[in-house]
C-alpha cells in the first residue's frame, strides 16, 4: 500500500485550504493465520496512522510531509492506532465477514492464536497488487461486486469489502 500526501494552497476555496490531504493506493494487508483462515487489516486513516507513528513530535504538516519523503523505517503500531481487523468465516462467501478483536484472536481463529504486534514500514518498494484478489476470488466477480448482487450484501459486508482495496469506489458512501 502507498499513501500519497500533499498540501493544498491556502487560497483554494473549501475546508481543506492550506491543509494536508492524502490518497491511499493499494490493498489491505492480510496474513494466513491457519490453512484457509485469513486476517485482514482494512484500509482507513492511513495518513493519520503514519504521521502519528513516525513523526509524533512534528506539529507542522508541511514539515511532516517533507520528513516522510526521506524516512525509511519500520515501527510498531500502538494498540489505539490498529486498523480494523476482519476475517471471513467462509473465505468464498463475502457475507461471512466478521470483525476480529485484536486482543482475542483465539475467538476467531482458535486456541493459542494471539496478535503479538502490527508493524508499519515506509519503503521504496512498489505497491503490491492482486494478492488479495487471489485469496478473495469473488472480488473479481461482477455477480457479487455489481448490482443486484452488491446491494443484496449486508451493509457490514459492503463496508469491509469497500476497505479491502483503495480503488474500490467510495462513492457508495460505505467507509466510516
N, C-alpha and C. Protein backbone atom coordinates (compact mmCIF):
# COMPACT_ATOMS: atom_id res chain seq x y z
N UNK A 1 0.84 -1.15 0.00
CA UNK A 1 0.00 0.00 0.00
C UNK A 1 0.89 1.23 0.00
N UNK A 2 0.44 2.27 -0.63
CA UNK A 2 1.15 3.55 -0.64
C UNK A 2 0.20 4.63 -0.17
N UNK A 3 0.75 5.61 0.54
CA UNK A 3 -0.02 6.78 0.93
C UNK A 3 0.66 7.97 0.30
N UNK A 4 -0.07 8.66 -0.56
CA UNK A 4 0.44 9.88 -1.18
C UNK A 4 -0.16 11.06 -0.45
N UNK A 5 0.69 11.97 0.00
CA UNK A 5 0.23 13.13 0.76
C UNK A 5 0.68 14.40 0.06
N UNK A 6 -0.10 15.43 0.25
CA UNK A 6 0.25 16.73 -0.32
C UNK A 6 -0.50 17.83 0.40
N UNK A 7 -0.11 19.04 0.14
CA UNK A 7 -0.78 20.18 0.76
C UNK A 7 -1.59 20.92 -0.30
N UNK A 8 -2.60 21.63 0.16
CA UNK A 8 -3.41 22.44 -0.74
C UNK A 8 -3.13 23.91 -0.48
N UNK A 9 -3.18 24.73 -1.53
CA UNK A 9 -2.92 26.16 -1.33
C UNK A 9 -3.96 26.80 -0.41
N UNK A 10 -3.53 27.79 0.38
CA UNK A 10 -4.46 28.47 1.29
C UNK A 10 -5.54 29.21 0.53
N UNK A 11 -5.25 29.63 -0.69
CA UNK A 11 -6.24 30.40 -1.46
C UNK A 11 -7.32 29.52 -2.08
N UNK A 12 -7.15 28.21 -2.03
CA UNK A 12 -8.13 27.30 -2.61
C UNK A 12 -9.40 27.30 -1.76
N UNK A 13 -10.57 27.50 -2.38
CA UNK A 13 -11.80 27.50 -1.58
C UNK A 13 -12.07 26.14 -0.95
N UNK A 14 -12.69 26.15 0.21
CA UNK A 14 -13.07 24.90 0.85
C UNK A 14 -12.40 24.70 2.19
N UNK A 15 -12.86 23.69 2.90
CA UNK A 15 -12.37 23.41 4.24
C UNK A 15 -10.92 22.94 4.27
N UNK A 16 -10.44 22.32 3.21
CA UNK A 16 -9.09 21.77 3.19
C UNK A 16 -8.01 22.77 2.81
N UNK A 17 -8.39 24.01 2.55
CA UNK A 17 -7.43 25.01 2.10
C UNK A 17 -6.29 25.18 3.09
N UNK A 18 -5.07 25.06 2.58
CA UNK A 18 -3.88 25.23 3.40
C UNK A 18 -3.55 24.01 4.25
N UNK A 19 -4.27 22.93 4.08
CA UNK A 19 -4.04 21.73 4.88
C UNK A 19 -3.39 20.63 4.09
N UNK A 20 -3.34 19.45 4.69
CA UNK A 20 -2.73 18.30 4.05
C UNK A 20 -3.81 17.30 3.66
N UNK A 21 -3.69 16.77 2.48
CA UNK A 21 -4.60 15.74 2.02
C UNK A 21 -3.81 14.50 1.66
N UNK A 22 -4.50 13.40 1.49
CA UNK A 22 -3.79 12.17 1.15
C UNK A 22 -4.68 11.25 0.32
N UNK A 23 -4.02 10.31 -0.33
CA UNK A 23 -4.71 9.28 -1.10
C UNK A 23 -3.99 7.97 -0.84
N UNK A 24 -4.74 6.96 -0.48
CA UNK A 24 -4.18 5.63 -0.25
C UNK A 24 -4.32 4.82 -1.53
N UNK A 25 -3.25 4.14 -1.90
CA UNK A 25 -3.23 3.32 -3.11
C UNK A 25 -2.80 1.91 -2.71
N UNK A 26 -3.60 0.93 -3.05
CA UNK A 26 -3.19 -0.45 -2.78
C UNK A 26 -4.28 -1.29 -2.19
N UNK A 27 -3.85 -2.29 -1.45
CA UNK A 27 -4.75 -3.30 -0.90
C UNK A 27 -4.55 -3.41 0.61
N UNK A 28 -5.57 -3.93 1.27
CA UNK A 28 -5.44 -4.23 2.69
C UNK A 28 -4.36 -5.29 2.88
N UNK A 29 -3.65 -5.18 3.99
CA UNK A 29 -2.67 -6.22 4.33
C UNK A 29 -3.41 -7.41 4.91
N UNK A 30 -2.87 -8.60 4.67
CA UNK A 30 -3.51 -9.80 5.21
C UNK A 30 -2.46 -10.87 5.46
N UNK A 31 -2.84 -11.80 6.31
CA UNK A 31 -1.97 -12.92 6.64
C UNK A 31 -2.83 -14.17 6.79
N UNK A 32 -2.30 -15.30 6.31
CA UNK A 32 -2.98 -16.58 6.50
C UNK A 32 -2.60 -17.09 7.89
N UNK A 33 -3.56 -17.06 8.80
CA UNK A 33 -3.33 -17.44 10.19
C UNK A 33 -3.23 -18.96 10.33
N UNK A 34 -4.10 -19.65 9.64
CA UNK A 34 -4.07 -21.11 9.56
C UNK A 34 -4.61 -21.46 8.18
N UNK A 35 -4.46 -22.69 7.72
CA UNK A 35 -4.88 -23.01 6.36
C UNK A 35 -6.32 -22.57 6.05
N UNK A 36 -6.43 -21.67 5.08
CA UNK A 36 -7.73 -21.17 4.65
C UNK A 36 -8.37 -20.12 5.54
N UNK A 37 -7.70 -19.73 6.63
CA UNK A 37 -8.22 -18.72 7.56
C UNK A 37 -7.31 -17.50 7.53
N UNK A 38 -7.87 -16.36 7.14
CA UNK A 38 -7.08 -15.15 6.92
C UNK A 38 -7.51 -14.02 7.85
N UNK A 39 -6.54 -13.20 8.22
CA UNK A 39 -6.78 -11.98 8.98
C UNK A 39 -6.46 -10.81 8.05
N UNK A 40 -7.41 -9.89 7.90
CA UNK A 40 -7.26 -8.72 7.03
C UNK A 40 -7.23 -7.46 7.87
N UNK A 41 -6.27 -6.58 7.60
CA UNK A 41 -6.19 -5.25 8.22
C UNK A 41 -6.74 -4.26 7.20
N UNK A 42 -7.93 -3.74 7.45
CA UNK A 42 -8.61 -2.89 6.47
C UNK A 42 -7.95 -1.52 6.33
N UNK A 43 -8.10 -0.94 5.16
CA UNK A 43 -7.59 0.39 4.88
C UNK A 43 -8.47 1.44 5.56
N UNK A 44 -7.83 2.52 5.99
CA UNK A 44 -8.56 3.64 6.59
C UNK A 44 -7.64 4.48 7.45
N UNK A 45 -7.71 5.79 7.30
CA UNK A 45 -6.90 6.72 8.10
C UNK A 45 -5.40 6.44 8.03
N UNK A 46 -4.92 6.05 6.86
CA UNK A 46 -3.51 5.67 6.72
C UNK A 46 -2.56 6.85 6.94
N UNK A 47 -2.92 8.03 6.47
CA UNK A 47 -2.04 9.18 6.67
C UNK A 47 -1.93 9.51 8.15
N UNK A 48 -3.05 9.56 8.85
CA UNK A 48 -3.03 9.86 10.28
C UNK A 48 -2.20 8.82 11.03
N UNK A 49 -2.40 7.56 10.71
CA UNK A 49 -1.65 6.49 11.37
C UNK A 49 -0.15 6.66 11.12
N UNK A 50 0.21 6.93 9.88
CA UNK A 50 1.62 7.08 9.52
C UNK A 50 2.25 8.26 10.23
N UNK A 51 1.59 9.42 10.20
CA UNK A 51 2.14 10.61 10.84
C UNK A 51 2.27 10.43 12.34
N UNK A 52 1.28 9.85 12.97
CA UNK A 52 1.30 9.64 14.42
C UNK A 52 2.41 8.69 14.84
N UNK A 53 2.62 7.65 14.08
CA UNK A 53 3.61 6.64 14.45
C UNK A 53 5.04 7.10 14.16
N UNK A 54 5.25 7.72 13.02
CA UNK A 54 6.61 8.06 12.62
C UNK A 54 7.05 9.46 13.04
N UNK A 55 6.11 10.40 13.12
CA UNK A 55 6.50 11.79 13.38
C UNK A 55 5.60 12.46 14.42
N UNK A 56 5.45 11.88 15.59
CA UNK A 56 4.52 12.47 16.57
C UNK A 56 4.98 13.82 17.11
N UNK A 57 6.27 14.09 17.07
CA UNK A 57 6.80 15.31 17.66
C UNK A 57 6.75 16.52 16.73
N UNK A 58 6.51 16.31 15.45
CA UNK A 58 6.47 17.42 14.49
C UNK A 58 5.03 17.90 14.36
N UNK A 59 4.81 19.19 14.59
CA UNK A 59 3.46 19.76 14.55
C UNK A 59 3.05 20.19 13.15
N UNK A 60 3.93 20.86 12.43
CA UNK A 60 3.59 21.43 11.12
C UNK A 60 3.44 20.34 10.07
N UNK A 61 2.30 20.32 9.38
CA UNK A 61 2.04 19.27 8.40
C UNK A 61 3.00 19.33 7.22
N UNK A 62 3.43 20.52 6.84
CA UNK A 62 4.39 20.63 5.73
C UNK A 62 5.73 20.02 6.13
N UNK A 63 6.14 20.25 7.37
CA UNK A 63 7.38 19.66 7.86
C UNK A 63 7.27 18.14 7.93
N UNK A 64 6.10 17.65 8.33
CA UNK A 64 5.88 16.20 8.39
C UNK A 64 5.97 15.59 6.99
N UNK A 65 5.35 16.25 6.03
CA UNK A 65 5.37 15.74 4.65
C UNK A 65 6.80 15.69 4.13
N UNK A 66 7.57 16.73 4.39
CA UNK A 66 8.96 16.77 3.93
C UNK A 66 9.79 15.67 4.59
N UNK A 67 9.58 15.45 5.87
CA UNK A 67 10.32 14.43 6.61
C UNK A 67 9.98 13.02 6.10
N UNK A 68 8.71 12.79 5.79
CA UNK A 68 8.30 11.47 5.32
C UNK A 68 8.91 11.11 3.97
N UNK A 69 9.24 12.11 3.17
CA UNK A 69 9.83 11.87 1.85
C UNK A 69 11.10 11.03 1.92
N UNK A 70 11.89 11.22 2.96
CA UNK A 70 13.19 10.53 3.05
C UNK A 70 13.22 9.44 4.12
N UNK A 71 12.18 9.34 4.91
CA UNK A 71 12.16 8.38 6.01
C UNK A 71 11.96 6.95 5.48
N UNK A 72 12.76 6.02 5.95
CA UNK A 72 12.63 4.60 5.61
C UNK A 72 12.84 3.81 6.89
N UNK A 73 11.74 3.48 7.56
CA UNK A 73 11.82 2.80 8.85
C UNK A 73 10.64 1.85 9.03
N UNK A 74 10.76 1.01 10.04
CA UNK A 74 9.68 0.14 10.48
C UNK A 74 9.40 0.46 11.94
N UNK A 75 8.12 0.60 12.27
CA UNK A 75 7.74 0.90 13.65
C UNK A 75 6.54 0.05 14.05
N UNK A 76 6.45 -0.23 15.34
CA UNK A 76 5.27 -0.90 15.87
C UNK A 76 4.10 0.08 15.90
N UNK A 77 2.92 -0.41 15.57
CA UNK A 77 1.71 0.40 15.61
C UNK A 77 1.14 0.30 17.03
N UNK A 78 0.93 1.45 17.71
CA UNK A 78 0.32 1.39 19.04
C UNK A 78 -1.09 0.81 18.96
N UNK A 79 -1.51 0.13 20.00
CA UNK A 79 -2.82 -0.54 20.02
C UNK A 79 -3.95 0.40 19.61
N UNK A 80 -3.93 1.64 20.09
CA UNK A 80 -5.02 2.57 19.79
C UNK A 80 -5.05 3.01 18.33
N UNK A 81 -4.00 2.70 17.58
CA UNK A 81 -3.94 3.05 16.15
C UNK A 81 -4.09 1.83 15.24
N UNK A 82 -4.44 0.69 15.81
CA UNK A 82 -4.64 -0.51 14.97
C UNK A 82 -5.74 -0.25 13.94
N UNK A 83 -5.56 -0.80 12.75
CA UNK A 83 -6.65 -0.74 11.77
C UNK A 83 -7.75 -1.72 12.18
N UNK A 84 -8.90 -1.58 11.55
CA UNK A 84 -9.98 -2.54 11.78
C UNK A 84 -9.54 -3.88 11.20
N UNK A 85 -9.67 -4.93 11.99
CA UNK A 85 -9.29 -6.28 11.58
C UNK A 85 -10.54 -7.11 11.34
N UNK A 86 -10.53 -7.87 10.24
CA UNK A 86 -11.67 -8.73 9.92
C UNK A 86 -11.18 -10.07 9.40
N UNK A 87 -12.10 -11.02 9.39
CA UNK A 87 -11.88 -12.32 8.76
C UNK A 87 -13.18 -12.71 8.06
N UNK A 88 -13.13 -13.75 7.28
CA UNK A 88 -14.32 -14.31 6.65
C UNK A 88 -14.48 -15.73 7.17
N UNK A 89 -15.63 -16.02 7.76
CA UNK A 89 -15.85 -17.37 8.28
C UNK A 89 -15.77 -18.39 7.16
N UNK A 90 -16.23 -17.98 5.96
CA UNK A 90 -16.09 -18.78 4.74
C UNK A 90 -15.44 -17.86 3.71
N UNK A 91 -14.19 -18.10 3.39
CA UNK A 91 -13.42 -17.22 2.51
C UNK A 91 -14.07 -17.05 1.13
N UNK A 92 -14.91 -17.98 0.74
CA UNK A 92 -15.58 -17.91 -0.55
C UNK A 92 -16.91 -17.16 -0.49
N UNK A 93 -17.29 -16.69 0.71
CA UNK A 93 -18.60 -16.05 0.88
C UNK A 93 -18.46 -14.68 1.54
N UNK A 94 -18.64 -13.59 0.77
CA UNK A 94 -18.45 -12.25 1.32
C UNK A 94 -19.41 -11.89 2.45
N UNK A 95 -20.53 -12.57 2.55
CA UNK A 95 -21.50 -12.29 3.62
C UNK A 95 -20.98 -12.70 5.00
N UNK A 96 -19.92 -13.50 5.04
CA UNK A 96 -19.47 -14.06 6.32
C UNK A 96 -18.38 -13.23 6.98
N UNK A 97 -18.20 -11.98 6.54
CA UNK A 97 -17.19 -11.12 7.15
C UNK A 97 -17.51 -10.92 8.63
N UNK A 98 -16.45 -10.91 9.43
CA UNK A 98 -16.61 -10.77 10.87
C UNK A 98 -15.46 -9.94 11.43
N UNK A 99 -15.78 -8.98 12.30
CA UNK A 99 -14.73 -8.21 12.97
C UNK A 99 -13.93 -9.15 13.86
N UNK A 100 -12.64 -8.83 13.99
CA UNK A 100 -11.75 -9.62 14.83
C UNK A 100 -11.24 -8.72 15.95
N UNK A 101 -11.35 -9.19 17.17
CA UNK A 101 -10.84 -8.47 18.33
C UNK A 101 -9.33 -8.68 18.40
N UNK A 102 -8.53 -7.61 18.24
CA UNK A 102 -7.08 -7.80 18.26
C UNK A 102 -6.55 -8.31 19.59
N UNK A 103 -7.34 -8.15 20.65
CA UNK A 103 -6.93 -8.65 21.96
C UNK A 103 -7.39 -10.08 22.21
N UNK A 104 -8.14 -10.65 21.25
CA UNK A 104 -8.65 -12.01 21.43
C UNK A 104 -8.78 -12.71 20.07
N UNK A 105 -7.65 -12.93 19.40
CA UNK A 105 -7.68 -13.62 18.11
C UNK A 105 -8.15 -15.07 18.27
N UNK A 106 -7.97 -15.63 19.44
CA UNK A 106 -8.40 -17.01 19.67
C UNK A 106 -9.90 -17.17 19.45
N UNK A 107 -10.68 -16.14 19.70
CA UNK A 107 -12.13 -16.22 19.49
C UNK A 107 -12.47 -16.42 18.02
N UNK A 108 -11.63 -15.90 17.13
CA UNK A 108 -11.87 -16.03 15.69
C UNK A 108 -11.08 -17.15 15.04
N UNK A 109 -9.91 -17.47 15.61
CA UNK A 109 -9.01 -18.41 14.93
C UNK A 109 -8.65 -19.65 15.74
N UNK A 110 -9.12 -19.74 16.97
CA UNK A 110 -8.86 -20.92 17.76
C UNK A 110 -7.86 -20.70 18.87
N UNK A 111 -7.80 -21.64 19.80
CA UNK A 111 -6.92 -21.53 20.97
C UNK A 111 -5.46 -21.33 20.58
N UNK A 112 -4.80 -20.49 21.35
CA UNK A 112 -3.37 -20.28 21.17
C UNK A 112 -2.99 -19.23 20.14
N UNK A 113 -3.96 -18.70 19.40
CA UNK A 113 -3.66 -17.69 18.39
C UNK A 113 -3.72 -16.32 19.05
N UNK A 114 -2.60 -15.59 18.99
CA UNK A 114 -2.54 -14.24 19.57
C UNK A 114 -1.90 -13.30 18.56
N UNK A 115 -2.19 -12.04 18.72
CA UNK A 115 -1.56 -11.00 17.91
C UNK A 115 -0.46 -10.38 18.75
N UNK A 116 0.78 -10.56 18.32
CA UNK A 116 1.91 -10.02 19.07
C UNK A 116 2.09 -8.54 18.80
N UNK A 117 1.98 -8.15 17.51
CA UNK A 117 2.17 -6.75 17.16
C UNK A 117 1.76 -6.54 15.71
N UNK A 118 1.54 -5.29 15.38
CA UNK A 118 1.35 -4.85 14.00
C UNK A 118 2.43 -3.83 13.73
N UNK A 119 3.10 -3.96 12.60
CA UNK A 119 4.15 -3.00 12.25
C UNK A 119 3.76 -2.25 10.99
N UNK A 120 4.32 -1.06 10.87
CA UNK A 120 4.14 -0.22 9.69
C UNK A 120 5.53 0.12 9.18
N UNK A 121 5.75 -0.06 7.89
CA UNK A 121 7.06 0.17 7.30
C UNK A 121 6.95 1.14 6.13
N UNK A 122 7.87 2.09 6.09
CA UNK A 122 7.98 3.00 4.96
C UNK A 122 9.15 2.50 4.12
N UNK A 123 8.88 2.17 2.86
CA UNK A 123 9.90 1.61 1.97
C UNK A 123 9.84 2.29 0.61
N UNK A 124 10.76 1.91 -0.24
CA UNK A 124 10.74 2.34 -1.64
C UNK A 124 10.14 1.27 -2.54
N UNK A 125 9.69 0.17 -1.95
CA UNK A 125 9.11 -0.92 -2.72
C UNK A 125 7.83 -0.47 -3.41
N UNK A 126 7.53 -1.10 -4.52
CA UNK A 126 6.30 -0.81 -5.23
C UNK A 126 5.08 -1.33 -4.48
N UNK A 127 3.93 -0.83 -4.86
CA UNK A 127 2.68 -1.25 -4.24
C UNK A 127 2.35 -2.67 -4.69
N UNK A 128 2.02 -3.54 -3.75
CA UNK A 128 1.62 -4.90 -4.06
C UNK A 128 0.23 -4.88 -4.67
N UNK A 129 0.06 -5.63 -5.75
CA UNK A 129 -1.24 -5.67 -6.42
C UNK A 129 -1.66 -7.11 -6.68
N UNK A 130 -2.94 -7.37 -6.50
CA UNK A 130 -3.50 -8.65 -6.90
C UNK A 130 -3.50 -9.75 -5.86
N UNK A 131 -2.74 -9.60 -4.80
CA UNK A 131 -2.68 -10.67 -3.80
C UNK A 131 -4.01 -10.93 -3.13
N UNK A 132 -4.72 -9.87 -2.83
CA UNK A 132 -5.99 -10.04 -2.13
C UNK A 132 -7.05 -10.65 -3.04
N UNK A 133 -6.99 -10.34 -4.33
CA UNK A 133 -7.92 -10.93 -5.29
C UNK A 133 -7.69 -12.42 -5.47
N UNK A 134 -6.45 -12.85 -5.28
CA UNK A 134 -6.14 -14.29 -5.38
C UNK A 134 -6.75 -15.06 -4.21
N UNK A 135 -6.85 -14.41 -3.05
CA UNK A 135 -7.43 -15.05 -1.87
C UNK A 135 -8.95 -14.92 -1.87
N UNK A 136 -9.43 -13.73 -2.24
CA UNK A 136 -10.87 -13.46 -2.27
C UNK A 136 -11.31 -13.38 -3.72
N UNK A 137 -11.45 -14.54 -4.34
CA UNK A 137 -11.77 -14.60 -5.77
C UNK A 137 -13.03 -13.85 -6.16
N UNK A 138 -13.98 -13.74 -5.25
CA UNK A 138 -15.23 -13.04 -5.54
C UNK A 138 -15.04 -11.54 -5.74
N UNK A 139 -13.88 -10.98 -5.39
CA UNK A 139 -13.63 -9.55 -5.64
C UNK A 139 -13.66 -9.24 -7.14
N UNK A 140 -13.42 -10.25 -7.96
CA UNK A 140 -13.44 -10.06 -9.42
C UNK A 140 -14.72 -10.57 -10.06
N UNK A 141 -15.71 -10.91 -9.25
CA UNK A 141 -16.96 -11.48 -9.75
C UNK A 141 -18.04 -10.41 -9.83
N UNK A 142 -18.44 -10.02 -11.05
CA UNK A 142 -19.48 -8.99 -11.19
C UNK A 142 -20.79 -9.37 -10.51
N UNK A 143 -21.08 -10.65 -10.38
CA UNK A 143 -22.32 -11.08 -9.72
C UNK A 143 -22.33 -10.69 -8.24
N UNK A 144 -21.14 -10.51 -7.66
CA UNK A 144 -21.02 -10.09 -6.27
C UNK A 144 -20.79 -8.59 -6.18
N UNK A 145 -19.89 -8.07 -7.01
CA UNK A 145 -19.41 -6.70 -6.86
C UNK A 145 -20.27 -5.65 -7.56
N UNK A 146 -21.24 -6.07 -8.35
CA UNK A 146 -22.12 -5.12 -9.03
C UNK A 146 -23.56 -5.45 -8.65
N UNK A 147 -24.45 -4.48 -8.83
CA UNK A 147 -25.87 -4.73 -8.53
C UNK A 147 -26.46 -5.69 -9.54
N UNK A 148 -27.39 -6.52 -9.14
CA UNK A 148 -28.08 -6.52 -7.85
C UNK A 148 -27.35 -7.27 -6.74
N UNK A 149 -26.28 -8.01 -7.08
CA UNK A 149 -25.57 -8.78 -6.06
C UNK A 149 -25.02 -7.91 -4.94
N UNK A 150 -24.41 -6.79 -5.31
CA UNK A 150 -23.80 -5.90 -4.32
C UNK A 150 -24.83 -5.40 -3.32
N UNK A 151 -25.95 -4.92 -3.81
CA UNK A 151 -26.95 -4.34 -2.91
C UNK A 151 -27.62 -5.40 -2.03
N UNK A 152 -27.47 -6.66 -2.37
CA UNK A 152 -28.06 -7.71 -1.53
C UNK A 152 -27.16 -8.09 -0.35
N UNK A 153 -25.90 -7.63 -0.38
CA UNK A 153 -24.99 -7.93 0.74
C UNK A 153 -25.35 -7.07 1.95
N UNK A 154 -25.17 -7.59 3.16
CA UNK A 154 -25.38 -6.77 4.36
C UNK A 154 -24.43 -5.58 4.36
N UNK A 155 -24.86 -4.47 4.94
CA UNK A 155 -24.05 -3.25 4.96
C UNK A 155 -22.69 -3.50 5.60
N UNK A 156 -22.61 -4.34 6.63
CA UNK A 156 -21.32 -4.64 7.27
C UNK A 156 -20.37 -5.29 6.28
N UNK A 157 -20.89 -6.16 5.44
CA UNK A 157 -20.06 -6.80 4.42
C UNK A 157 -19.59 -5.78 3.40
N UNK A 158 -20.48 -4.90 2.97
CA UNK A 158 -20.11 -3.89 1.98
C UNK A 158 -19.07 -2.92 2.52
N UNK A 159 -19.19 -2.56 3.80
CA UNK A 159 -18.19 -1.66 4.40
C UNK A 159 -16.81 -2.33 4.43
N UNK A 160 -16.77 -3.56 4.87
CA UNK A 160 -15.49 -4.27 4.95
C UNK A 160 -14.89 -4.46 3.57
N UNK A 161 -15.71 -4.88 2.61
CA UNK A 161 -15.22 -5.09 1.25
C UNK A 161 -14.72 -3.78 0.66
N UNK A 162 -15.41 -2.70 0.94
CA UNK A 162 -15.01 -1.39 0.44
C UNK A 162 -13.67 -0.93 0.98
N UNK A 163 -13.25 -1.44 2.13
CA UNK A 163 -11.98 -1.06 2.74
C UNK A 163 -10.87 -2.07 2.46
N UNK A 164 -11.12 -3.05 1.61
CA UNK A 164 -10.07 -4.00 1.23
C UNK A 164 -9.17 -3.45 0.13
N UNK A 165 -9.72 -2.61 -0.73
CA UNK A 165 -8.98 -2.08 -1.88
C UNK A 165 -9.13 -0.57 -1.95
N UNK A 166 -8.04 0.13 -2.19
CA UNK A 166 -8.13 1.59 -2.28
C UNK A 166 -8.90 2.03 -3.51
N UNK A 167 -8.87 1.24 -4.57
CA UNK A 167 -9.54 1.65 -5.80
C UNK A 167 -11.00 1.24 -5.83
N UNK A 168 -11.49 0.67 -4.73
CA UNK A 168 -12.91 0.35 -4.66
C UNK A 168 -13.67 1.67 -4.61
N UNK A 169 -14.70 1.84 -5.40
CA UNK A 169 -15.40 3.13 -5.44
C UNK A 169 -15.99 3.48 -4.08
N UNK A 170 -15.49 4.55 -3.48
CA UNK A 170 -16.02 5.01 -2.21
C UNK A 170 -17.28 5.84 -2.41
N UNK A 171 -17.67 6.01 -3.67
CA UNK A 171 -18.86 6.81 -3.96
C UNK A 171 -20.12 6.16 -3.40
N UNK A 172 -20.00 4.92 -2.97
CA UNK A 172 -21.16 4.25 -2.39
C UNK A 172 -21.35 4.65 -0.93
N UNK A 173 -20.44 5.52 -0.41
CA UNK A 173 -20.59 6.05 0.94
C UNK A 173 -20.50 5.01 2.03
N UNK A 174 -19.61 4.05 1.88
CA UNK A 174 -19.57 2.95 2.83
C UNK A 174 -18.50 3.08 3.89
N UNK A 175 -17.48 3.86 3.64
CA UNK A 175 -16.41 3.97 4.64
C UNK A 175 -16.87 4.86 5.77
N UNK A 176 -16.51 4.47 6.97
CA UNK A 176 -16.93 5.25 8.13
C UNK A 176 -15.94 6.35 8.40
